[in-house]
Amino acid sequence: MNKQKTVDSKVLAILRECPETRYDDMQLILCYYNRYSYMRVGDLPLEDIVNNYKGYGLPCFETIRRARQRVQSLFPELSRQCSGCNCGNIRM
């Protein structure tokens, strides 16, 4: 449960600072991984992240998504869609 609160508090910080992540789980996951990993996870292949997230000490995608749901249920003002920010977006 302690780890859950840690993930929730980190997700809360991201949702407050980066409105784009409020309605896009993949942006939230990318921002979370880039911010709280010891390396820039956004530069790694997706297959590597999916297969080795535990080795990198990161929560799985679903844990972050569920944390977003919990945070947004407690802070409804963070569930509105806002203009985007630049929080580790990948451009092609």
PDB file of N, CA and C in Angstrom:
ATOM      1  N   MET A   1       0.820  -1.195   0.000  1.00  0.00           N
ATOM      2  CA  MET A   1       0.000   0.000   0.000  1.00  0.00           C
ATOM      3  C   MET A   1       0.861   1.255   0.000  1.00  0.00           C
ATOM      4  N   ASN A   2       2.027   1.210   0.628  1.00  0.00           N
ATOM      5  CA  ASN A   2       2.913   2.358   0.636  1.00  0.00           C
ATOM      6  C   ASN A   2       3.337   2.724  -0.780  1.00  0.00           C
ATOM      7  N   LYS A   3       3.645   1.706  -1.607  1.00  0.00           N
ATOM      8  CA  LYS A   3       4.032   1.967  -2.985  1.00  0.00           C
ATOM      9  C   LYS A   3       2.870   2.576  -3.764  1.00  0.00           C
ATOM     10  N   GLN A   4       1.648   2.126  -3.472  1.00  0.00           N
ATOM     11  CA  GLN A   4       0.471   2.678  -4.132  1.00  0.00           C
ATOM     12  C   GLN A   4       0.374   4.172  -3.866  1.00  0.00           C
ATOM     13  N   LYS A   5       0.560   4.572  -2.621  1.00  0.00           N
ATOM     14  CA  LYS A   5       0.483   5.989  -2.288  1.00  0.00           C
ATOM     15  C   LYS A   5       1.590   6.772  -2.985  1.00  0.00           C
ATOM     16  N   THR A   6       2.748   6.156  -3.127  1.00  0.00           N
ATOM     17  CA  THR A   6       3.844   6.818  -3.827  1.00  0.00           C
ATOM     18  C   THR A   6       3.481   7.037  -5.288  1.00  0.00           C
ATOM     19  N   VAL A   7       2.955   6.010  -5.946  1.00  0.00           N
ATOM     20  CA  VAL A   7       2.538   6.150  -7.344  1.00  0.00           C
ATOM     21  C   VAL A   7       1.434   7.195  -7.448  1.00  0.00           C
ATOM     22  N   ASP A   8       0.460   7.141  -6.561  1.00  0.00           N
ATOM     23  CA  ASP A   8      -0.630   8.118  -6.581  1.00  0.00           C
ATOM     24  C   ASP A   8      -0.108   9.544  -6.421  1.00  0.00           C
ATOM     25  N   SER A   9       0.815   9.755  -5.506  1.00  0.00           N
ATOM     26  CA  SER A   9       1.327  11.114  -5.289  1.00  0.00           C
ATOM     27  C   SER A   9       2.137  11.597  -6.487  1.00  0.00           C
ATOM     28  N   LYS A  10       2.854  10.700  -7.127  1.00  0.00           N
ATOM     29  CA  LYS A  10       3.614  11.081  -8.325  1.00  0.00           C
ATOM     30  C   LYS A  10       2.672  11.398  -9.478  1.00  0.00           C
ATOM     31  N   VAL A  11       1.627  10.597  -9.632  1.00  0.00           N
ATOM     32  CA  VAL A  11       0.631  10.849 -10.675  1.00  0.00           C
ATOM     33  C   VAL A  11      -0.076  12.176 -10.403  1.00  0.00           C
ATOM     34  N   LEU A  12      -0.411  12.455  -9.160  1.00  0.00           N
ATOM     35  CA  LEU A  12      -1.039  13.725  -8.801  1.00  0.00           C
ATOM     36  C   LEU A  12      -0.153  14.897  -9.219  1.00  0.00           C
ATOM     37  N   ALA A  13       1.132  14.815  -8.935  1.00  0.00           N
ATOM     38  CA  ALA A  13       2.056  15.892  -9.310  1.00  0.00           C
ATOM     39  C   ALA A  13       2.081  16.086 -10.825  1.00  0.00           C
ATOM     40  N   ILE A  14       2.114  14.993 -11.567  1.00  0.00           N
ATOM     41  CA  ILE A  14       2.139  15.091 -13.030  1.00  0.00           C
ATOM     42  C   ILE A  14       0.841  15.694 -13.553  1.00  0.00           C
ATOM     43  N   LEU A  15      -0.295  15.240 -13.040  1.00  0.00           N
ATOM     44  CA  LEU A  15      -1.580  15.763 -13.503  1.00  0.00           C
ATOM     45  C   LEU A  15      -1.706  17.258 -13.230  1.00  0.00           C
ATOM     46  N   ARG A  16      -1.158  17.714 -12.130  1.00  0.00           N
ATOM     47  CA  ARG A  16      -1.206  19.146 -11.812  1.00  0.00           C
ATOM     48  C   ARG A  16      -0.312  19.953 -12.746  1.00  0.00           C
ATOM     49  N   GLU A  17       0.847  19.409 -13.085  1.00  0.00           N
ATOM     50  CA  GLU A  17       1.832  20.155 -13.866  1.00  0.00           C
ATOM     51  C   GLU A  17       1.667  19.998 -15.371  1.00  0.00           C
ATOM     52  N   CYS A  18       1.026  18.941 -15.813  1.00  0.00           N
ATOM     53  CA  CYS A  18       0.932  18.659 -17.245  1.00  0.00           C
ATOM     54  C   CYS A  18      -0.506  18.281 -17.608  1.00  0.00           C
ATOM     55  N   PRO A  19      -1.338  19.251 -17.914  1.00  0.00           N
ATOM     56  CA  PRO A  19      -2.756  18.994 -18.174  1.00  0.00           C
ATOM     57  C   PRO A  19      -3.013  17.974 -19.284  1.00  0.00           C
ATOM     58  N   GLU A  20      -2.121  17.863 -20.244  1.00  0.00           N
ATOM     59  CA  GLU A  20      -2.307  16.915 -21.346  1.00  0.00           C
ATOM     60  C   GLU A  20      -2.424  15.476 -20.851  1.00  0.00           C
ATOM     61  N   THR A  21      -1.794  15.178 -19.734  1.00  0.00           N
ATOM     62  CA  THR A  21      -1.798  13.814 -19.205  1.00  0.00           C
ATOM     63  C   THR A  21      -3.112  13.453 -18.520  1.00  0.00           C
ATOM     64  N   ARG A  22      -3.981  14.426 -18.332  1.00  0.00           N
ATOM     65  CA  ARG A  22      -5.241  14.185 -17.626  1.00  0.00           C
ATOM     66  C   ARG A  22      -6.209  13.317 -18.425  1.00  0.00           C
ATOM     67  N   TYR A  23      -6.073  13.312 -19.723  1.00  0.00           N
ATOM     68  CA  TYR A  23      -7.007  12.558 -20.558  1.00  0.00           C
ATOM     69  C   TYR A  23      -6.313  11.614 -21.535  1.00  0.00           C
ATOM     70  N   ASP A  24      -5.004  11.432 -21.386  1.00  0.00           N
ATOM     71  CA  ASP A  24      -4.259  10.542 -22.272  1.00  0.00           C
ATOM     72  C   ASP A  24      -3.328   9.671 -21.427  1.00  0.00           C
ATOM     73  N   ASP A  25      -3.723   8.429 -21.204  1.00  0.00           N
ATOM     74  CA  ASP A  25      -2.941   7.531 -20.347  1.00  0.00           C
ATOM     75  C   ASP A  25      -1.531   7.298 -20.873  1.00  0.00           C
ATOM     76  N   MET A  26      -1.378   7.207 -22.181  1.00  0.00           N
ATOM     77  CA  MET A  26      -0.043   6.956 -22.729  1.00  0.00           C
ATOM     78  C   MET A  26       0.885   8.149 -22.475  1.00  0.00           C
ATOM     79  N   GLN A  27       0.358   9.366 -22.573  1.00  0.00           N
ATOM     80  CA  GLN A  27       1.165  10.544 -22.247  1.00  0.00           C
ATOM     81  C   GLN A  27       1.532  10.549 -20.764  1.00  0.00           C
ATOM     82  N   LEU A  28       0.577  10.165 -19.932  1.00  0.00           N
ATOM     83  CA  LEU A  28       0.833  10.088 -18.493  1.00  0.00           C
ATOM     84  C   LEU A  28       1.922   9.065 -18.193  1.00  0.00           C
ATOM     85  N   ILE A  29       1.833   7.898 -18.805  1.00  0.00           N
ATOM     86  CA  ILE A  29       2.827   6.843 -18.583  1.00  0.00           C
ATOM     87  C   ILE A  29       4.197   7.303 -19.051  1.00  0.00           C
ATOM     88  N   LEU A  30       4.264   7.895 -20.236  1.00  0.00           N
ATOM     89  CA  LEU A  30       5.543   8.380 -20.755  1.00  0.00           C
ATOM     90  C   LEU A  30       6.135   9.449 -19.839  1.00  0.00           C
ATOM     91  N   CYS A  31       5.310  10.384 -19.412  1.00  0.00           N
ATOM     92  CA  CYS A  31       5.778  11.445 -18.519  1.00  0.00           C
ATOM     93  C   CYS A  31       6.244  10.860 -17.189  1.00  0.00           C
ATOM     94  N   TYR A  32       5.479   9.919 -16.634  1.00  0.00           N
ATOM     95  CA  TYR A  32       5.836   9.273 -15.365  1.00  0.00           C
ATOM     96  C   TYR A  32       7.183   8.571 -15.502  1.00  0.00           C
ATOM     97  N   TYR A  33       7.324   7.755 -16.535  1.00  0.00           N
ATOM     98  CA  TYR A  33       8.567   7.001 -16.722  1.00  0.00           C
ATOM     99  C   TYR A  33       9.761   7.925 -16.943  1.00  0.00           C
ATOM    100  N   ASN A  34       9.589   8.982 -17.741  1.00  0.00           N
ATOM    101  CA  ASN A  34      10.706   9.896 -17.991  1.00  0.00           C
ATOM    102  C   ASN A  34      11.082  10.688 -16.744  1.00  0.00           C
ATOM    103  N   ARG A  35      10.096  11.016 -15.940  1.00  0.00           N
ATOM    104  CA  ARG A  35      10.358  11.831 -14.754  1.00  0.00           C
ATOM    105  C   ARG A  35      10.941  11.032 -13.594  1.00  0.00           C
ATOM    106  N   TYR A  36      10.462   9.818 -13.390  1.00  0.00           N
ATOM    107  CA  TYR A  36      10.830   9.075 -12.187  1.00  0.00           C
ATOM    108  C   TYR A  36      11.749   7.886 -12.442  1.00  0.00           C
ATOM    109  N   SER A  37      12.276   7.767 -13.629  1.00  0.00           N
ATOM    110  CA  SER A  37      13.244   6.711 -13.930  1.00  0.00           C
ATOM    111  C   SER A  37      14.641   7.310 -13.889  1.00  0.00           C
ATOM    112  N   TYR A  38      15.627   6.476 -13.634  1.00  0.00           N
ATOM    113  CA  TYR A  38      17.006   6.951 -13.614  1.00  0.00           C
ATOM    114  C   TYR A  38      17.536   7.170 -15.029  1.00  0.00           C
ATOM    115  N   MET A  39      16.770   6.786 -16.042  1.00  0.00           N
ATOM    116  CA  MET A  39      17.161   6.982 -17.433  1.00  0.00           C
ATOM    117  C   MET A  39      15.964   7.510 -18.214  1.00  0.00           C
ATOM    118  N   ARG A  40      16.210   8.040 -19.390  1.00  0.00           N
ATOM    119  CA  ARG A  40      15.123   8.561 -20.224  1.00  0.00           C
ATOM    120  C   ARG A  40      14.453   7.392 -20.938  1.00  0.00           C
ATOM    121  N   VAL A  41      13.382   6.915 -20.362  1.00  0.00           N
ATOM    122  CA  VAL A  41      12.699   5.722 -20.853  1.00  0.00           C
ATOM    123  C   VAL A  41      12.073   5.971 -22.222  1.00  0.00           C
ATOM    124  N   GLY A  42      11.694   7.198 -22.515  1.00  0.00           N
ATOM    125  CA  GLY A  42      11.085   7.518 -23.804  1.00  0.00           C
ATOM    126  C   GLY A  42      11.983   7.242 -24.984  1.00  0.00           C
ATOM    127  N   ASP A  43      13.284   7.109 -24.744  1.00  0.00           N
ATOM    128  CA  ASP A  43      14.225   6.821 -25.823  1.00  0.00           C
ATOM    129  C   ASP A  43      14.409   5.326 -26.055  1.00  0.00           C
ATOM    130  N   LEU A  44      13.811   4.490 -25.208  1.00  0.00           N
ATOM    131  CA  LEU A  44      13.948   3.035 -25.333  1.00  0.00           C
ATOM    132  C   LEU A  44      12.845   2.465 -26.221  1.00  0.00           C
ATOM    133  N   PRO A  45      13.104   1.327 -26.864  1.00  0.00           N
ATOM    134  CA  PRO A  45      12.037   0.664 -27.625  1.00  0.00           C
ATOM    135  C   PRO A  45      10.911   0.212 -26.690  1.00  0.00           C
ATOM    136  N   LEU A  46       9.683   0.291 -27.170  1.00  0.00           N
ATOM    137  CA  LEU A  46       8.530  -0.095 -26.364  1.00  0.00           C
ATOM    138  C   LEU A  46       8.654  -1.528 -25.868  1.00  0.00           C
ATOM    139  N   GLU A  47       9.139  -2.424 -26.707  1.00  0.00           N
ATOM    140  CA  GLU A  47       9.290  -3.827 -26.317  1.00  0.00           C
ATOM    141  C   GLU A  47      10.205  -3.965 -25.104  1.00  0.00           C
ATOM    142  N   ASP A  48      11.268  -3.177 -25.066  1.00  0.00           N
ATOM    143  CA  ASP A  48      12.194  -3.218 -23.931  1.00  0.00           C
ATOM    144  C   ASP A  48      11.513  -2.734 -22.653  1.00  0.00           C
ATOM    145  N   ILE A  49      10.744  -1.674 -22.760  1.00  0.00           N
ATOM    146  CA  ILE A  49      10.038  -1.138 -21.590  1.00  0.00           C
ATOM    147  C   ILE A  49       9.019  -2.152 -21.069  1.00  0.00           C
ATOM    148  N   VAL A  50       8.240  -2.722 -21.985  1.00  0.00           N
ATOM    149  CA  VAL A  50       7.187  -3.668 -21.598  1.00  0.00           C
ATOM    150  C   VAL A  50       7.775  -4.905 -20.931  1.00  0.00           C
ATOM    151  N   ASN A  51       8.889  -5.386 -21.444  1.00  0.00           N
ATOM    152  CA  ASN A  51       9.486  -6.613 -20.915  1.00  0.00           C
ATOM    153  C   ASN A  51      10.374  -6.395 -19.696  1.00  0.00           C
ATOM    154  N   ASN A  52      10.839  -5.168 -19.473  1.00  0.00           N
ATOM    155  CA  ASN A  52      11.828  -4.938 -18.419  1.00  0.00           C
ATOM    156  C   ASN A  52      11.465  -3.829 -17.440  1.00  0.00           C
ATOM    157  N   TYR A  53      10.195  -3.413 -17.383  1.00  0.00           N
ATOM    158  CA  TYR A  53       9.830  -2.297 -16.504  1.00  0.00           C
ATOM    159  C   TYR A  53      10.163  -2.583 -15.046  1.00  0.00           C
ATOM    160  N   LYS A  54      10.029  -3.835 -14.616  1.00  0.00           N
ATOM    161  CA  LYS A  54      10.360  -4.176 -13.226  1.00  0.00           C
ATOM    162  C   LYS A  54      11.847  -3.991 -12.966  1.00  0.00           C
ATOM    163  N   GLY A  55      12.663  -4.366 -13.931  1.00  0.00           N
ATOM    164  CA  GLY A  55      14.105  -4.192 -13.804  1.00  0.00           C
ATOM    165  C   GLY A  55      14.511  -2.733 -13.711  1.00  0.00           C
ATOM    166  N   TYR A  56      13.705  -1.865 -14.325  1.00  0.00           N
ATOM    167  CA  TYR A  56      13.965  -0.427 -14.250  1.00  0.00           C
ATOM    168  C   TYR A  56      13.350   0.189 -12.996  1.00  0.00           C
ATOM    169  N   GLY A  57      12.659  -0.621 -12.203  1.00  0.00           N
ATOM    170  CA  GLY A  57      12.036  -0.131 -10.974  1.00  0.00           C
ATOM    171  C   GLY A  57      10.796   0.707 -11.220  1.00  0.00           C
ATOM    172  N   LEU A  58      10.089   0.434 -12.311  1.00  0.00           N
ATOM    173  CA  LEU A  58       8.917   1.220 -12.680  1.00  0.00           C
ATOM    174  C   LEU A  58       7.638   0.411 -12.510  1.00  0.00           C
ATOM    175  N   PRO A  59       6.532   1.086 -12.196  1.00  0.00           N
ATOM    176  CA  PRO A  59       5.249   0.377 -12.119  1.00  0.00           C
ATOM    177  C   PRO A  59       4.753   0.051 -13.528  1.00  0.00           C
ATOM    178  N   CYS A  60       3.878  -0.932 -13.635  1.00  0.00           N
ATOM    179  CA  CYS A  60       3.333  -1.289 -14.948  1.00  0.00           C
ATOM    180  C   CYS A  60       2.334  -0.220 -15.403  1.00  0.00           C
ATOM    181  N   PHE A  61       1.999  -0.256 -16.683  1.00  0.00           N
ATOM    182  CA  PHE A  61       1.077   0.716 -17.264  1.00  0.00           C
ATOM    183  C   PHE A  61      -0.237   0.770 -16.491  1.00  0.00           C
ATOM    184  N   GLU A  62      -0.767  -0.402 -16.166  1.00  0.00           N
ATOM    185  CA  GLU A  62      -2.076  -0.488 -15.507  1.00  0.00           C
ATOM    186  C   GLU A  62      -2.055   0.155 -14.119  1.00  0.00           C
ATOM    187  N   THR A  63      -0.958   0.032 -13.401  1.00  0.00           N
ATOM    188  CA  THR A  63      -0.838   0.658 -12.081  1.00  0.00           C
ATOM    189  C   THR A  63      -0.940   2.173 -12.201  1.00  0.00           C
ATOM    190  N   ILE A  64      -0.285   2.732 -13.204  1.00  0.00           N
ATOM    191  CA  ILE A  64      -0.325   4.181 -13.417  1.00  0.00           C
ATOM    192  C   ILE A  64      -1.732   4.610 -13.831  1.00  0.00           C
ATOM    193  N   ARG A  65      -2.375   3.840 -14.699  1.00  0.00           N
ATOM    194  CA  ARG A  65      -3.734   4.164 -15.133  1.00  0.00           C
ATOM    195  C   ARG A  65      -4.702   4.153 -13.954  1.00  0.00           C
ATOM    196  N   ARG A  66      -4.589   3.141 -13.110  1.00  0.00           N
ATOM    197  CA  ARG A  66      -5.471   3.059 -11.935  1.00  0.00           C
ATOM    198  C   ARG A  66      -5.197   4.197 -10.959  1.00  0.00           C
ATOM    199  N   ALA A  67      -3.942   4.576 -10.819  1.00  0.00           N
ATOM    200  CA  ALA A  67      -3.597   5.705  -9.949  1.00  0.00           C
ATOM    201  C   ALA A  67      -4.238   6.984 -10.483  1.00  0.00           C
ATOM    202  N   ARG A  68      -4.226   7.170 -11.817  1.00  0.00           N
ATOM    203  CA  ARG A  68      -4.872   8.343 -12.409  1.00  0.00           C
ATOM    204  C   ARG A  68      -6.361   8.351 -12.080  1.00  0.00           C
ATOM    205  N   GLN A  69      -7.010   7.203 -12.183  1.00  0.00           N
ATOM    206  CA  GLN A  69      -8.438   7.126 -11.849  1.00  0.00           C
ATOM    207  C   GLN A  69      -8.697   7.502 -10.396  1.00  0.00           C
ATOM    208  N   ARG A  70      -7.882   6.974  -9.486  1.00  0.00           N
ATOM    209  CA  ARG A  70      -8.060   7.288  -8.059  1.00  0.00           C
ATOM    210  C   ARG A  70      -7.853   8.777  -7.810  1.00  0.00           C
ATOM    211  N   VAL A  71      -6.795   9.334  -8.375  1.00  0.00           N
ATOM    212  CA  VAL A  71      -6.489  10.751  -8.166  1.00  0.00           C
ATOM    213  C   VAL A  71      -7.605  11.618  -8.740  1.00  0.00           C
ATOM    214  N   GLN A  72      -8.072  11.297  -9.946  1.00  0.00           N
ATOM    215  CA  GLN A  72      -9.117  12.112 -10.557  1.00  0.00           C
ATOM    216  C   GLN A  72     -10.454  11.982  -9.829  1.00  0.00           C
ATOM    217  N   SER A  73     -10.684  10.864  -9.153  1.00  0.00           N
ATOM    218  CA  SER A  73     -11.921  10.757  -8.366  1.00  0.00           C
ATOM    219  C   SER A  73     -11.841  11.625  -7.109  1.00  0.00           C
ATOM    220  N   LEU A  74     -10.642  11.811  -6.587  1.00  0.00           N
ATOM    221  CA  LEU A  74     -10.456  12.661  -5.407  1.00  0.00           C
ATOM    222  C   LEU A  74     -10.316  14.137  -5.768  1.00  0.00           C
ATOM    223  N   PHE A  75      -9.798  14.417  -6.956  1.00  0.00           N
ATOM    224  CA  PHE A  75      -9.572  15.785  -7.431  1.00  0.00           C
ATOM    225  C   PHE A  75     -10.255  15.947  -8.793  1.00  0.00           C
ATOM    226  N   PRO A  76     -11.573  16.134  -8.818  1.00  0.00           N
ATOM    227  CA  PRO A  76     -12.296  16.214 -10.092  1.00  0.00           C
ATOM    228  C   PRO A  76     -11.806  17.336 -11.004  1.00  0.00           C
ATOM    229  N   GLU A  77     -11.236  18.365 -10.429  1.00  0.00           N
ATOM    230  CA  GLU A  77     -10.729  19.471 -11.253  1.00  0.00           C
ATOM    231  C   GLU A  77      -9.564  19.028 -12.141  1.00  0.00           C
ATOM    232  N   LEU A  78      -8.953  17.900 -11.813  1.00  0.00           N
ATOM    233  CA  LEU A  78      -7.839  17.392 -12.619  1.00  0.00           C
ATOM    234  C   LEU A  78      -8.309  16.445 -13.718  1.00  0.00           C
ATOM    235  N   SER A  79      -9.602  16.322 -13.914  1.00  0.00           N
ATOM    236  CA  SER A  79     -10.103  15.421 -14.948  1.00  0.00           C
ATOM    237  C   SER A  79     -10.559  16.171 -16.193  1.00  0.00           C
ATOM    238  N   ARG A  80     -10.482  17.477 -16.174  1.00  0.00           N
ATOM    239  CA  ARG A  80     -10.888  18.270 -17.332  1.00  0.00           C
ATOM    240  C   ARG A  80      -9.802  18.284 -18.393  1.00  0.00           C
ATOM    241  N   GLN A  81     -10.218  18.357 -19.639  1.00  0.00           N
ATOM    242  CA  GLN A  81      -9.248  18.461 -20.724  1.00  0.00           C
ATOM    243  C   GLN A  81      -8.787  19.903 -20.825  1.00  0.00           C
ATOM    244  N   CYS A  82      -7.470  20.056 -20.907  1.00  0.00           N
ATOM    245  CA  CYS A  82      -6.888  21.385 -21.013  1.00  0.00           C
ATOM    246  C   CYS A  82      -5.950  21.413 -22.210  1.00  0.00           C
ATOM    247  N   SER A  83      -5.426  22.585 -22.493  1.00  0.00           N
ATOM    248  CA  SER A  83      -4.440  22.685 -23.566  1.00  0.00           C
ATOM    249  C   SER A  83      -3.193  21.907 -23.177  1.00  0.00           C
ATOM    250  N   GLY A  84      -2.483  21.437 -24.170  1.00  0.00           N
ATOM    251  CA  GLY A  84      -1.342  20.544 -23.948  1.00  0.00           C
ATOM    252  C   GLY A  84      -0.124  21.235 -23.373  1.00  0.00           C
ATOM    253  N   CYS A  85       0.811  20.410 -22.975  1.00  0.00           N
ATOM    254  CA  CYS A  85       2.096  20.888 -22.487  1.00  0.00           C
ATOM    255  C   CYS A  85       3.176  20.045 -23.139  1.00  0.00           C
ATOM    256  N   ASN A  86       4.407  20.345 -22.873  1.00  0.00           N
ATOM    257  CA  ASN A  86       5.512  19.572 -23.430  1.00  0.00           C
ATOM    258  C   ASN A  86       6.140  18.780 -22.301  1.00  0.00           C
ATOM    259  N   CYS A  87       5.673  17.567 -22.116  1.00  0.00           N
ATOM    260  CA  CYS A  87       6.127  16.744 -20.990  1.00  0.00           C
ATOM    261  C   CYS A  87       6.693  15.429 -21.502  1.00  0.00           C
ATOM    262  N   GLY A  88       7.585  15.506 -22.473  1.00  0.00           N
ATOM    263  CA  GLY A  88       8.207  14.298 -22.993  1.00  0.00           C
ATOM    264  C   GLY A  88       7.504  13.728 -24.203  1.00  0.00           C
ATOM    265  N   ASN A  89       6.819  14.585 -24.957  1.00  0.00           N
ATOM    266  CA  ASN A  89       6.124  14.098 -26.143  1.00  0.00           C
ATOM    267  C   ASN A  89       7.110  13.547 -27.157  1.00  0.00           C
ATOM    268  N   ILE A  90       6.685  12.513 -27.846  1.00  0.00           N
ATOM    269  CA  ILE A  90       7.484  11.957 -28.928  1.00  0.00           C
ATOM    270  C   ILE A  90       6.874  12.453 -30.229  1.00  0.00           C
ATOM    271  N   ARG A  91       7.659  13.087 -31.048  1.00  0.00           N
ATOM    272  CA  ARG A  91       7.193  13.604 -32.335  1.00  0.00           C
ATOM    273  C   ARG A  91       7.831  12.789 -33.451  1.00  0.00           C
ATOM    274  N   MET A  92       7.039  12.500 -34.466  1.00  0.00           N
ATOM    275  CA  MET A  92       7.564  11.760 -35.623  1.00  0.00           C
ATOM    276  C   MET A  92       7.460  12.602 -36.860  1.00  0.00           C
TER     277      MET A  92
END
